[in-house]
Amino acid sequence: MFERRRKVIARSETVHLFSPSKDSAADFLALTTTSESFHQPWVYPATDTRRYRAYLDRLERHEAVGFLVARNSDDALIGVININDIILGGFRSGSLRYYANAPYSGRGYMTEGLALVLDQAFTVLNLHRIEANVQPQNDASLALVRKLGFRKEGFSPAFLKINGEWRDHERWAMVAEEWLAAHAGENNAAVSEIV
C-alpha cells in the first residue's frame, strides 16, 4: 500500500496512473518479485533495488515514459506500463511494455490503465503511433491489445532478445486518429491532482 501522497496523472472509474519514483520502489519490487513466475517468460522487469534505480534513470533520461497503475479503492498496485523507444520528428511513435500484478490479472484493471496511457500518449505526449509487440503465445497480452482496438500488422521473427533468447513477436499498432475517433467525447485527460 502506498503511504505517501502522489500526483495522479489520470484517473478512470476504477484505476489511476502515477509516475514511478523512489517512493514507489518497495511496492514496485513487491509486485515484480511476487509476480515473477507470472511474468516469465514474457517479461523480466526489475526485481531488486539496483535494477529499479536503473529503470528510474532511464525514465529521467527521457528514454521512456513510465506509468504505475493503481486501484482507486485501495491504492493497490495493479501494474506497470511503459512507452519505450520514443521517436519524435516526423515519426512520433513509441512502443509499449507492460506487466500486471498477478493477483489482479484478468479483472480489466490493465485494460483501463492502458486506455489511460493511450490517452496520455496521443493527447499529452502528442505521439502519432503506438506499437505493442507481443509474443504469439502470450494469450493474455494479445487479448488486451485486441480489446483496446490495436490492429495486427505483422509477424517479426527473432524480434527481441528476452532473457538471452531471441523471441518472435506479433506487431500490433494504433495511430492517434483511430484512438481519438473511437473515444471521442470521453474525458480521460490528465487530472493532475493529489490524492
N, C-alpha and C. Protein backbone atom coordinates (compact mmCIF):
# COMPACT_ATOMS: atom_id res chain seq x y z
N MET A 1 0.84 -1.17 0.00
CA MET A 1 0.00 0.00 0.00
C MET A 1 0.89 1.24 0.00
N PHE A 2 0.53 2.21 -0.77
CA PHE A 2 1.31 3.43 -0.87
C PHE A 2 0.89 4.39 0.24
N GLU A 3 1.85 4.76 1.06
CA GLU A 3 1.53 5.64 2.18
C GLU A 3 1.82 7.09 1.87
N ARG A 4 2.57 7.37 0.84
CA ARG A 4 2.93 8.75 0.52
C ARG A 4 1.92 9.33 -0.47
N ARG A 5 1.74 10.63 -0.37
CA ARG A 5 0.86 11.32 -1.32
C ARG A 5 1.58 11.41 -2.65
N ARG A 6 0.83 11.34 -3.73
CA ARG A 6 1.43 11.41 -5.05
C ARG A 6 0.51 12.14 -6.01
N LYS A 7 1.11 12.59 -7.08
CA LYS A 7 0.37 13.32 -8.10
C LYS A 7 -0.25 12.31 -9.07
N VAL A 8 -1.55 12.34 -9.19
CA VAL A 8 -2.26 11.46 -10.10
C VAL A 8 -2.17 12.06 -11.49
N ILE A 9 -1.78 11.25 -12.46
CA ILE A 9 -1.66 11.71 -13.84
C ILE A 9 -3.01 11.65 -14.55
N ALA A 10 -3.72 10.56 -14.35
CA ALA A 10 -5.04 10.37 -14.98
C ALA A 10 -5.81 9.35 -14.16
N ARG A 11 -7.13 9.40 -14.29
CA ARG A 11 -8.00 8.52 -13.49
C ARG A 11 -9.16 8.03 -14.34
N SER A 12 -9.51 6.77 -14.14
CA SER A 12 -10.72 6.21 -14.73
C SER A 12 -11.66 5.87 -13.58
N GLU A 13 -12.68 5.12 -13.89
CA GLU A 13 -13.65 4.74 -12.86
C GLU A 13 -13.02 3.89 -11.74
N THR A 14 -12.09 3.00 -12.11
CA THR A 14 -11.54 2.09 -11.09
C THR A 14 -10.04 2.17 -10.87
N VAL A 15 -9.29 2.81 -11.77
CA VAL A 15 -7.83 2.89 -11.60
C VAL A 15 -7.33 4.30 -11.85
N HIS A 16 -6.10 4.54 -11.43
CA HIS A 16 -5.43 5.81 -11.73
C HIS A 16 -3.96 5.54 -12.06
N LEU A 17 -3.36 6.51 -12.74
CA LEU A 17 -1.95 6.42 -13.13
C LEU A 17 -1.14 7.41 -12.31
N PHE A 18 0.08 7.01 -11.97
CA PHE A 18 1.05 7.94 -11.40
C PHE A 18 2.44 7.50 -11.85
N SER A 19 3.41 8.38 -11.69
CA SER A 19 4.76 8.11 -12.17
C SER A 19 5.57 7.29 -11.17
N PRO A 20 6.38 6.36 -11.67
CA PRO A 20 7.31 5.65 -10.78
C PRO A 20 8.29 6.63 -10.15
N SER A 21 8.65 6.37 -8.90
CA SER A 21 9.58 7.24 -8.19
C SER A 21 10.32 6.42 -7.14
N LYS A 22 11.26 7.06 -6.45
CA LYS A 22 11.97 6.38 -5.36
C LYS A 22 10.98 5.93 -4.29
N ASP A 23 9.95 6.73 -4.06
CA ASP A 23 8.96 6.41 -3.04
C ASP A 23 8.14 5.16 -3.36
N SER A 24 8.06 4.81 -4.62
CA SER A 24 7.26 3.63 -5.00
C SER A 24 8.10 2.37 -5.16
N ALA A 25 9.39 2.43 -4.82
CA ALA A 25 10.29 1.30 -5.02
C ALA A 25 9.82 0.03 -4.31
N ALA A 26 9.48 0.12 -3.04
CA ALA A 26 9.11 -1.08 -2.28
C ALA A 26 7.88 -1.76 -2.87
N ASP A 27 6.88 -0.97 -3.25
CA ASP A 27 5.67 -1.55 -3.82
C ASP A 27 5.91 -2.11 -5.22
N PHE A 28 6.71 -1.40 -6.02
CA PHE A 28 7.07 -1.89 -7.34
C PHE A 28 7.79 -3.24 -7.22
N LEU A 29 8.78 -3.31 -6.34
CA LEU A 29 9.56 -4.54 -6.19
C LEU A 29 8.71 -5.67 -5.59
N ALA A 30 7.76 -5.33 -4.74
CA ALA A 30 6.84 -6.36 -4.23
C ALA A 30 6.03 -6.94 -5.38
N LEU A 31 5.55 -6.07 -6.29
CA LEU A 31 4.80 -6.54 -7.46
C LEU A 31 5.66 -7.45 -8.32
N THR A 32 6.87 -7.01 -8.66
CA THR A 32 7.68 -7.78 -9.61
C THR A 32 8.22 -9.07 -9.00
N THR A 33 8.54 -9.08 -7.71
CA THR A 33 9.06 -10.31 -7.12
C THR A 33 7.96 -11.33 -6.86
N THR A 34 6.81 -10.88 -6.39
CA THR A 34 5.73 -11.85 -6.13
C THR A 34 5.06 -12.33 -7.42
N SER A 35 5.20 -11.57 -8.50
CA SER A 35 4.59 -11.96 -9.78
C SER A 35 5.62 -12.50 -10.78
N GLU A 36 6.82 -12.79 -10.30
CA GLU A 36 7.91 -13.19 -11.19
C GLU A 36 7.56 -14.40 -12.05
N SER A 37 6.99 -15.43 -11.47
CA SER A 37 6.66 -16.62 -12.26
C SER A 37 5.50 -16.34 -13.22
N PHE A 38 4.65 -15.40 -12.88
CA PHE A 38 3.55 -15.00 -13.76
C PHE A 38 4.09 -14.24 -14.97
N HIS A 39 5.10 -13.41 -14.77
CA HIS A 39 5.68 -12.60 -15.84
C HIS A 39 6.52 -13.41 -16.82
N GLN A 40 7.20 -14.41 -16.32
CA GLN A 40 8.11 -15.17 -17.18
C GLN A 40 7.37 -16.22 -17.97
N PRO A 41 7.72 -16.44 -19.22
CA PRO A 41 8.91 -15.99 -19.95
C PRO A 41 8.67 -14.73 -20.76
N TRP A 42 7.60 -13.99 -20.48
CA TRP A 42 7.25 -12.86 -21.33
C TRP A 42 8.08 -11.62 -21.06
N VAL A 43 8.30 -11.33 -19.79
CA VAL A 43 8.99 -10.10 -19.42
C VAL A 43 9.79 -10.34 -18.14
N TYR A 44 10.90 -9.63 -18.00
CA TYR A 44 11.78 -9.77 -16.84
C TYR A 44 12.06 -8.38 -16.26
N PRO A 45 11.09 -7.81 -15.56
CA PRO A 45 11.27 -6.46 -15.02
C PRO A 45 12.23 -6.45 -13.82
N ALA A 46 12.57 -5.27 -13.37
CA ALA A 46 13.45 -5.09 -12.21
C ALA A 46 12.87 -5.80 -11.00
N THR A 47 13.70 -6.60 -10.33
CA THR A 47 13.26 -7.30 -9.12
C THR A 47 14.18 -6.99 -7.94
N ASP A 48 15.07 -6.02 -8.11
CA ASP A 48 15.94 -5.61 -7.00
C ASP A 48 16.15 -4.09 -7.08
N THR A 49 16.65 -3.53 -6.01
CA THR A 49 16.80 -2.08 -5.90
C THR A 49 17.72 -1.51 -6.97
N ARG A 50 18.82 -2.18 -7.27
CA ARG A 50 19.77 -1.69 -8.27
C ARG A 50 19.09 -1.58 -9.63
N ARG A 51 18.37 -2.61 -10.04
CA ARG A 51 17.70 -2.58 -11.34
C ARG A 51 16.53 -1.59 -11.35
N TYR A 52 15.86 -1.41 -10.22
CA TYR A 52 14.80 -0.41 -10.15
C TYR A 52 15.38 0.99 -10.32
N ARG A 53 16.53 1.26 -9.68
CA ARG A 53 17.19 2.56 -9.85
C ARG A 53 17.58 2.78 -11.31
N ALA A 54 18.06 1.73 -11.98
CA ALA A 54 18.41 1.84 -13.40
C ALA A 54 17.16 2.16 -14.23
N TYR A 55 16.02 1.56 -13.87
CA TYR A 55 14.75 1.86 -14.54
C TYR A 55 14.38 3.33 -14.36
N LEU A 56 14.47 3.84 -13.13
CA LEU A 56 14.18 5.25 -12.88
C LEU A 56 15.14 6.16 -13.65
N ASP A 57 16.40 5.76 -13.75
CA ASP A 57 17.38 6.55 -14.51
C ASP A 57 16.97 6.64 -15.98
N ARG A 58 16.49 5.53 -16.55
CA ARG A 58 16.01 5.55 -17.95
C ARG A 58 14.87 6.54 -18.11
N LEU A 59 13.96 6.55 -17.14
CA LEU A 59 12.84 7.49 -17.21
C LEU A 59 13.32 8.93 -17.09
N GLU A 60 14.27 9.18 -16.19
CA GLU A 60 14.79 10.54 -16.01
C GLU A 60 15.56 11.03 -17.24
N ARG A 61 16.18 10.12 -17.98
CA ARG A 61 16.90 10.48 -19.21
C ARG A 61 15.95 10.59 -20.40
N HIS A 62 14.66 10.42 -20.16
CA HIS A 62 13.62 10.51 -21.19
C HIS A 62 13.78 9.45 -22.27
N GLU A 63 14.32 8.28 -21.88
CA GLU A 63 14.42 7.15 -22.81
C GLU A 63 13.10 6.37 -22.85
N ALA A 64 12.25 6.66 -21.90
CA ALA A 64 10.93 6.02 -21.81
C ALA A 64 10.06 6.89 -20.92
N VAL A 65 8.75 6.64 -20.99
CA VAL A 65 7.81 7.28 -20.07
C VAL A 65 7.13 6.14 -19.31
N GLY A 66 7.18 6.20 -17.99
CA GLY A 66 6.63 5.12 -17.17
C GLY A 66 5.39 5.53 -16.42
N PHE A 67 4.49 4.57 -16.26
CA PHE A 67 3.25 4.78 -15.53
C PHE A 67 3.03 3.59 -14.60
N LEU A 68 2.62 3.86 -13.38
CA LEU A 68 2.17 2.82 -12.47
C LEU A 68 0.65 2.91 -12.42
N VAL A 69 0.01 1.75 -12.43
CA VAL A 69 -1.45 1.67 -12.40
C VAL A 69 -1.87 1.20 -11.01
N ALA A 70 -2.72 1.97 -10.35
CA ALA A 70 -3.19 1.60 -9.02
C ALA A 70 -4.72 1.62 -8.99
N ARG A 71 -5.28 0.78 -8.14
CA ARG A 71 -6.73 0.72 -7.99
C ARG A 71 -7.19 1.89 -7.12
N ASN A 72 -8.26 2.55 -7.53
CA ASN A 72 -8.76 3.72 -6.80
C ASN A 72 -9.22 3.37 -5.39
N SER A 73 -9.86 2.24 -5.23
CA SER A 73 -10.49 1.92 -3.95
C SER A 73 -9.50 1.73 -2.81
N ASP A 74 -8.30 1.22 -3.09
CA ASP A 74 -7.36 0.94 -2.00
C ASP A 74 -5.90 1.23 -2.35
N ASP A 75 -5.64 1.83 -3.51
CA ASP A 75 -4.28 2.15 -3.96
C ASP A 75 -3.42 0.92 -4.24
N ALA A 76 -4.02 -0.26 -4.33
CA ALA A 76 -3.23 -1.46 -4.64
C ALA A 76 -2.57 -1.28 -6.01
N LEU A 77 -1.28 -1.61 -6.08
CA LEU A 77 -0.55 -1.51 -7.34
C LEU A 77 -0.98 -2.64 -8.26
N ILE A 78 -1.55 -2.28 -9.40
CA ILE A 78 -2.12 -3.23 -10.36
C ILE A 78 -1.11 -3.63 -11.41
N GLY A 79 -0.31 -2.67 -11.90
CA GLY A 79 0.62 -2.98 -12.96
C GLY A 79 1.50 -1.81 -13.34
N VAL A 80 2.32 -2.07 -14.34
CA VAL A 80 3.29 -1.11 -14.85
C VAL A 80 3.13 -1.04 -16.36
N ILE A 81 3.13 0.19 -16.89
CA ILE A 81 3.06 0.39 -18.34
C ILE A 81 4.11 1.41 -18.72
N ASN A 82 4.92 1.08 -19.71
CA ASN A 82 5.95 1.98 -20.20
C ASN A 82 5.75 2.24 -21.68
N ILE A 83 6.06 3.46 -22.09
CA ILE A 83 6.18 3.76 -23.51
C ILE A 83 7.68 3.91 -23.77
N ASN A 84 8.24 2.97 -24.51
CA ASN A 84 9.67 2.92 -24.80
C ASN A 84 9.94 3.36 -26.23
N ASP A 85 11.23 3.53 -26.52
CA ASP A 85 11.69 3.78 -27.89
C ASP A 85 10.94 4.94 -28.54
N ILE A 86 10.73 6.00 -27.80
CA ILE A 86 10.00 7.15 -28.34
C ILE A 86 10.88 7.86 -29.36
N ILE A 87 10.33 8.03 -30.55
CA ILE A 87 10.99 8.76 -31.62
C ILE A 87 10.06 9.90 -32.01
N LEU A 88 10.59 11.12 -32.00
CA LEU A 88 9.76 12.27 -32.34
C LEU A 88 9.99 12.66 -33.80
N GLY A 89 9.98 13.93 -34.11
CA GLY A 89 10.13 14.36 -35.50
C GLY A 89 8.94 13.91 -36.33
N GLY A 90 9.21 13.46 -37.54
CA GLY A 90 8.15 13.02 -38.44
C GLY A 90 7.56 11.67 -38.08
N PHE A 91 8.21 10.95 -37.18
CA PHE A 91 7.77 9.60 -36.82
C PHE A 91 6.78 9.62 -35.65
N ARG A 92 7.09 10.31 -34.57
CA ARG A 92 6.25 10.49 -33.38
C ARG A 92 5.62 9.18 -32.91
N SER A 93 6.47 8.22 -32.58
CA SER A 93 5.96 6.90 -32.18
C SER A 93 6.66 6.39 -30.93
N GLY A 94 6.10 5.34 -30.37
CA GLY A 94 6.68 4.66 -29.23
C GLY A 94 6.17 3.25 -29.18
N SER A 95 6.82 2.42 -28.35
CA SER A 95 6.39 1.03 -28.20
C SER A 95 6.06 0.75 -26.74
N LEU A 96 5.07 -0.09 -26.54
CA LEU A 96 4.59 -0.40 -25.20
C LEU A 96 5.32 -1.59 -24.59
N ARG A 97 5.45 -1.52 -23.28
CA ARG A 97 5.86 -2.66 -22.47
C ARG A 97 4.99 -2.57 -21.22
N TYR A 98 4.40 -3.68 -20.83
CA TYR A 98 3.51 -3.64 -19.67
C TYR A 98 3.51 -4.99 -18.98
N TYR A 99 3.18 -4.96 -17.70
CA TYR A 99 3.05 -6.19 -16.93
C TYR A 99 2.16 -5.92 -15.73
N ALA A 100 1.40 -6.95 -15.37
CA ALA A 100 0.39 -6.82 -14.31
C ALA A 100 0.86 -7.48 -13.02
N ASN A 101 0.23 -7.08 -11.94
CA ASN A 101 0.41 -7.73 -10.66
C ASN A 101 -0.48 -8.98 -10.68
N ALA A 102 0.12 -10.15 -10.58
CA ALA A 102 -0.59 -11.42 -10.79
C ALA A 102 -1.94 -11.53 -10.07
N PRO A 103 -2.06 -11.16 -8.79
CA PRO A 103 -3.35 -11.31 -8.13
C PRO A 103 -4.49 -10.50 -8.74
N TYR A 104 -4.14 -9.46 -9.52
CA TYR A 104 -5.16 -8.58 -10.08
C TYR A 104 -5.38 -8.80 -11.58
N SER A 105 -4.73 -9.80 -12.14
CA SER A 105 -4.84 -10.02 -13.59
C SER A 105 -6.22 -10.58 -13.94
N GLY A 106 -6.64 -10.30 -15.16
CA GLY A 106 -7.90 -10.82 -15.66
C GLY A 106 -9.14 -10.13 -15.13
N ARG A 107 -8.97 -8.97 -14.49
CA ARG A 107 -10.12 -8.26 -13.91
C ARG A 107 -10.46 -6.96 -14.65
N GLY A 108 -9.72 -6.67 -15.73
CA GLY A 108 -9.99 -5.47 -16.50
C GLY A 108 -9.22 -4.24 -16.07
N TYR A 109 -8.47 -4.33 -14.98
CA TYR A 109 -7.73 -3.16 -14.49
C TYR A 109 -6.67 -2.70 -15.49
N MET A 110 -5.93 -3.64 -16.06
CA MET A 110 -4.88 -3.25 -17.01
C MET A 110 -5.49 -2.69 -18.29
N THR A 111 -6.67 -3.15 -18.66
CA THR A 111 -7.35 -2.58 -19.83
C THR A 111 -7.64 -1.11 -19.57
N GLU A 112 -8.18 -0.80 -18.39
CA GLU A 112 -8.46 0.60 -18.04
C GLU A 112 -7.18 1.40 -17.93
N GLY A 113 -6.15 0.81 -17.32
CA GLY A 113 -4.88 1.52 -17.18
C GLY A 113 -4.24 1.81 -18.52
N LEU A 114 -4.25 0.82 -19.43
CA LEU A 114 -3.65 1.04 -20.74
C LEU A 114 -4.46 2.05 -21.55
N ALA A 115 -5.76 2.07 -21.38
CA ALA A 115 -6.58 3.09 -22.06
C ALA A 115 -6.17 4.49 -21.59
N LEU A 116 -5.92 4.65 -20.29
CA LEU A 116 -5.46 5.94 -19.78
C LEU A 116 -4.09 6.30 -20.36
N VAL A 117 -3.22 5.31 -20.48
CA VAL A 117 -1.89 5.56 -21.06
C VAL A 117 -2.01 5.96 -22.52
N LEU A 118 -2.89 5.30 -23.26
CA LEU A 118 -3.09 5.68 -24.67
C LEU A 118 -3.61 7.11 -24.78
N ASP A 119 -4.52 7.50 -23.90
CA ASP A 119 -4.97 8.89 -23.88
C ASP A 119 -3.78 9.83 -23.68
N GLN A 120 -2.91 9.49 -22.73
CA GLN A 120 -1.73 10.32 -22.47
C GLN A 120 -0.81 10.35 -23.70
N ALA A 121 -0.60 9.20 -24.31
CA ALA A 121 0.30 9.10 -25.46
C ALA A 121 -0.17 9.98 -26.60
N PHE A 122 -1.46 9.94 -26.88
CA PHE A 122 -1.98 10.63 -28.06
C PHE A 122 -2.39 12.08 -27.82
N THR A 123 -2.61 12.46 -26.57
CA THR A 123 -3.02 13.84 -26.31
C THR A 123 -1.92 14.64 -25.63
N VAL A 124 -1.39 14.14 -24.53
CA VAL A 124 -0.37 14.88 -23.77
C VAL A 124 1.00 14.77 -24.43
N LEU A 125 1.43 13.55 -24.79
CA LEU A 125 2.74 13.36 -25.42
C LEU A 125 2.71 13.66 -26.91
N ASN A 126 1.51 13.76 -27.45
CA ASN A 126 1.31 14.08 -28.86
C ASN A 126 2.01 13.09 -29.81
N LEU A 127 1.98 11.80 -29.43
CA LEU A 127 2.51 10.77 -30.32
C LEU A 127 1.48 10.46 -31.39
N HIS A 128 1.93 9.94 -32.50
CA HIS A 128 1.04 9.59 -33.60
C HIS A 128 0.78 8.09 -33.65
N ARG A 129 1.74 7.28 -33.21
CA ARG A 129 1.64 5.82 -33.36
C ARG A 129 2.20 5.14 -32.12
N ILE A 130 1.50 4.10 -31.68
CA ILE A 130 1.95 3.25 -30.58
C ILE A 130 1.95 1.80 -31.07
N GLU A 131 3.05 1.11 -30.83
CA GLU A 131 3.15 -0.31 -31.16
C GLU A 131 3.15 -1.14 -29.90
N ALA A 132 2.58 -2.32 -30.00
CA ALA A 132 2.67 -3.34 -28.96
C ALA A 132 3.19 -4.59 -29.64
N ASN A 133 4.39 -5.00 -29.29
CA ASN A 133 4.98 -6.21 -29.85
C ASN A 133 4.81 -7.32 -28.83
N VAL A 134 4.06 -8.35 -29.23
CA VAL A 134 3.60 -9.38 -28.30
C VAL A 134 4.05 -10.75 -28.78
N GLN A 135 4.58 -11.55 -27.86
CA GLN A 135 4.95 -12.91 -28.21
C GLN A 135 3.67 -13.70 -28.53
N PRO A 136 3.70 -14.50 -29.62
CA PRO A 136 2.48 -15.15 -30.10
C PRO A 136 1.80 -16.08 -29.08
N GLN A 137 2.53 -16.58 -28.11
CA GLN A 137 1.94 -17.48 -27.11
C GLN A 137 1.38 -16.74 -25.89
N ASN A 138 1.55 -15.43 -25.84
CA ASN A 138 1.10 -14.65 -24.70
C ASN A 138 -0.37 -14.26 -24.90
N ASP A 139 -1.25 -15.21 -24.63
CA ASP A 139 -2.68 -15.02 -24.89
C ASP A 139 -3.29 -13.83 -24.15
N ALA A 140 -2.90 -13.62 -22.89
CA ALA A 140 -3.47 -12.52 -22.12
C ALA A 140 -3.10 -11.16 -22.73
N SER A 141 -1.85 -11.03 -23.14
CA SER A 141 -1.41 -9.77 -23.74
C SER A 141 -2.07 -9.54 -25.10
N LEU A 142 -2.21 -10.59 -25.88
CA LEU A 142 -2.89 -10.47 -27.17
C LEU A 142 -4.35 -10.06 -26.97
N ALA A 143 -5.01 -10.63 -25.97
CA ALA A 143 -6.40 -10.27 -25.68
C ALA A 143 -6.50 -8.80 -25.29
N LEU A 144 -5.53 -8.30 -24.53
CA LEU A 144 -5.54 -6.91 -24.11
C LEU A 144 -5.45 -5.96 -25.30
N VAL A 145 -4.50 -6.19 -26.21
CA VAL A 145 -4.37 -5.26 -27.33
C VAL A 145 -5.56 -5.35 -28.28
N ARG A 146 -6.09 -6.56 -28.45
CA ARG A 146 -7.30 -6.69 -29.29
C ARG A 146 -8.46 -5.91 -28.70
N LYS A 147 -8.65 -6.06 -27.40
CA LYS A 147 -9.77 -5.40 -26.73
C LYS A 147 -9.70 -3.88 -26.86
N LEU A 148 -8.49 -3.34 -26.88
CA LEU A 148 -8.33 -1.89 -26.97
C LEU A 148 -8.33 -1.39 -28.41
N GLY A 149 -8.44 -2.29 -29.38
CA GLY A 149 -8.57 -1.86 -30.77
C GLY A 149 -7.28 -1.77 -31.57
N PHE A 150 -6.20 -2.36 -31.06
CA PHE A 150 -4.96 -2.39 -31.84
C PHE A 150 -5.17 -3.25 -33.08
N ARG A 151 -4.46 -2.93 -34.12
CA ARG A 151 -4.53 -3.63 -35.41
C ARG A 151 -3.27 -4.48 -35.56
N LYS A 152 -3.43 -5.75 -35.92
CA LYS A 152 -2.27 -6.62 -36.16
C LYS A 152 -1.66 -6.23 -37.50
N GLU A 153 -0.36 -5.93 -37.47
CA GLU A 153 0.32 -5.50 -38.68
C GLU A 153 1.29 -6.53 -39.24
N GLY A 154 1.66 -7.50 -38.42
CA GLY A 154 2.58 -8.48 -38.97
C GLY A 154 3.24 -9.34 -37.90
N PHE A 155 4.19 -10.11 -38.38
CA PHE A 155 4.94 -11.05 -37.55
C PHE A 155 6.42 -10.75 -37.72
N SER A 156 7.13 -10.64 -36.61
CA SER A 156 8.55 -10.31 -36.63
C SER A 156 9.34 -11.45 -35.99
N PRO A 157 9.97 -12.31 -36.82
CA PRO A 157 10.77 -13.39 -36.25
C PRO A 157 12.01 -12.85 -35.53
N ALA A 158 12.35 -13.49 -34.43
CA ALA A 158 13.55 -13.13 -33.65
C ALA A 158 13.63 -11.62 -33.44
N PHE A 159 12.52 -11.03 -33.03
CA PHE A 159 12.39 -9.58 -32.93
C PHE A 159 13.12 -8.97 -31.74
N LEU A 160 13.03 -9.62 -30.57
CA LEU A 160 13.53 -9.02 -29.35
C LEU A 160 14.22 -10.07 -28.51
N LYS A 161 15.37 -9.70 -27.95
CA LYS A 161 16.11 -10.62 -27.08
C LYS A 161 15.60 -10.47 -25.66
N ILE A 162 15.03 -11.53 -25.14
CA ILE A 162 14.46 -11.54 -23.79
C ILE A 162 15.11 -12.67 -23.01
N ASN A 163 15.74 -12.31 -21.89
CA ASN A 163 16.42 -13.29 -21.05
C ASN A 163 17.41 -14.13 -21.86
N GLY A 164 18.13 -13.48 -22.77
CA GLY A 164 19.18 -14.14 -23.53
C GLY A 164 18.71 -14.92 -24.74
N GLU A 165 17.44 -14.86 -25.06
CA GLU A 165 16.89 -15.64 -26.18
C GLU A 165 16.12 -14.72 -27.13
N TRP A 166 16.38 -14.86 -28.43
CA TRP A 166 15.65 -14.08 -29.43
C TRP A 166 14.24 -14.63 -29.57
N ARG A 167 13.25 -13.78 -29.40
CA ARG A 167 11.85 -14.22 -29.41
C ARG A 167 11.08 -13.60 -30.57
N ASP A 168 10.23 -14.43 -31.18
CA ASP A 168 9.31 -13.95 -32.21
C ASP A 168 8.24 -13.09 -31.55
N HIS A 169 7.71 -12.13 -32.32
CA HIS A 169 6.64 -11.26 -31.82
C HIS A 169 5.65 -10.96 -32.93
N GLU A 170 4.40 -10.78 -32.53
CA GLU A 170 3.40 -10.21 -33.42
C GLU A 170 3.44 -8.70 -33.21
N ARG A 171 3.32 -7.95 -34.28
CA ARG A 171 3.35 -6.49 -34.21
C ARG A 171 1.93 -5.96 -34.32
N TRP A 172 1.48 -5.27 -33.28
CA TRP A 172 0.17 -4.65 -33.21
C TRP A 172 0.37 -3.14 -33.07
N ALA A 173 -0.48 -2.35 -33.68
CA ALA A 173 -0.29 -0.90 -33.62
C ALA A 173 -1.62 -0.17 -33.65
N MET A 174 -1.52 1.10 -33.28
CA MET A 174 -2.66 2.01 -33.32
C MET A 174 -2.11 3.41 -33.59
N VAL A 175 -2.85 4.19 -34.36
CA VAL A 175 -2.45 5.58 -34.57
C VAL A 175 -3.44 6.49 -33.84
N ALA A 176 -3.00 7.70 -33.60
CA ALA A 176 -3.79 8.65 -32.80
C ALA A 176 -5.19 8.82 -33.34
N GLU A 177 -5.34 8.97 -34.66
CA GLU A 177 -6.66 9.21 -35.23
C GLU A 177 -7.63 8.07 -34.92
N GLU A 178 -7.14 6.85 -34.92
CA GLU A 178 -8.01 5.70 -34.60
C GLU A 178 -8.47 5.77 -33.15
N TRP A 179 -7.53 6.01 -32.24
CA TRP A 179 -7.87 6.05 -30.82
C TRP A 179 -8.82 7.22 -30.52
N LEU A 180 -8.46 8.39 -31.02
CA LEU A 180 -9.25 9.58 -30.72
C LEU A 180 -10.65 9.50 -31.31
N ALA A 181 -10.79 8.93 -32.51
CA ALA A 181 -12.11 8.77 -33.12
C ALA A 181 -12.96 7.78 -32.33
N ALA A 182 -12.34 6.71 -31.86
CA ALA A 182 -13.07 5.68 -31.11
C ALA A 182 -13.47 6.16 -29.72
N HIS A 183 -12.77 7.16 -29.21
CA HIS A 183 -13.02 7.61 -27.84
C HIS A 183 -13.42 9.08 -27.76
N ALA A 184 -13.95 9.60 -28.85
CA ALA A 184 -14.41 10.99 -28.86
C ALA A 184 -15.50 11.17 -27.81
N GLY A 185 -15.40 12.24 -27.07
CA GLY A 185 -16.41 12.53 -26.05
C GLY A 185 -16.08 11.98 -24.69
N GLU A 186 -15.13 11.03 -24.61
CA GLU A 186 -14.72 10.53 -23.30
C GLU A 186 -13.74 11.53 -22.70
N ASN A 187 -13.76 11.66 -21.41
CA ASN A 187 -12.86 12.60 -20.76
C ASN A 187 -11.90 11.86 -19.86
N ASN A 188 -10.81 11.36 -20.45
CA ASN A 188 -9.78 10.67 -19.68
C ASN A 188 -8.50 11.48 -19.64
N ALA A 189 -8.59 12.78 -19.76
CA ALA A 189 -7.41 13.64 -19.80
C ALA A 189 -6.73 13.66 -18.44
N ALA A 190 -5.52 14.18 -18.43
CA ALA A 190 -4.76 14.28 -17.19
C ALA A 190 -5.56 15.06 -16.15
N VAL A 191 -5.51 14.60 -14.92
CA VAL A 191 -6.24 15.30 -13.88
C VAL A 191 -5.31 16.04 -12.93
N SER A 192 -4.06 15.64 -12.87
CA SER A 192 -3.03 16.34 -12.07
C SER A 192 -3.55 16.77 -10.71
N GLU A 193 -3.93 15.82 -9.91
CA GLU A 193 -4.41 16.14 -8.57
C GLU A 193 -3.63 15.32 -7.56
N ILE A 194 -3.67 15.71 -6.33
CA ILE A 194 -3.01 14.98 -5.26
C ILE A 194 -4.08 14.16 -4.53
N VAL A 195 -3.78 12.86 -4.32
CA VAL A 195 -4.71 12.04 -3.55
C VAL A 195 -4.05 11.60 -2.26
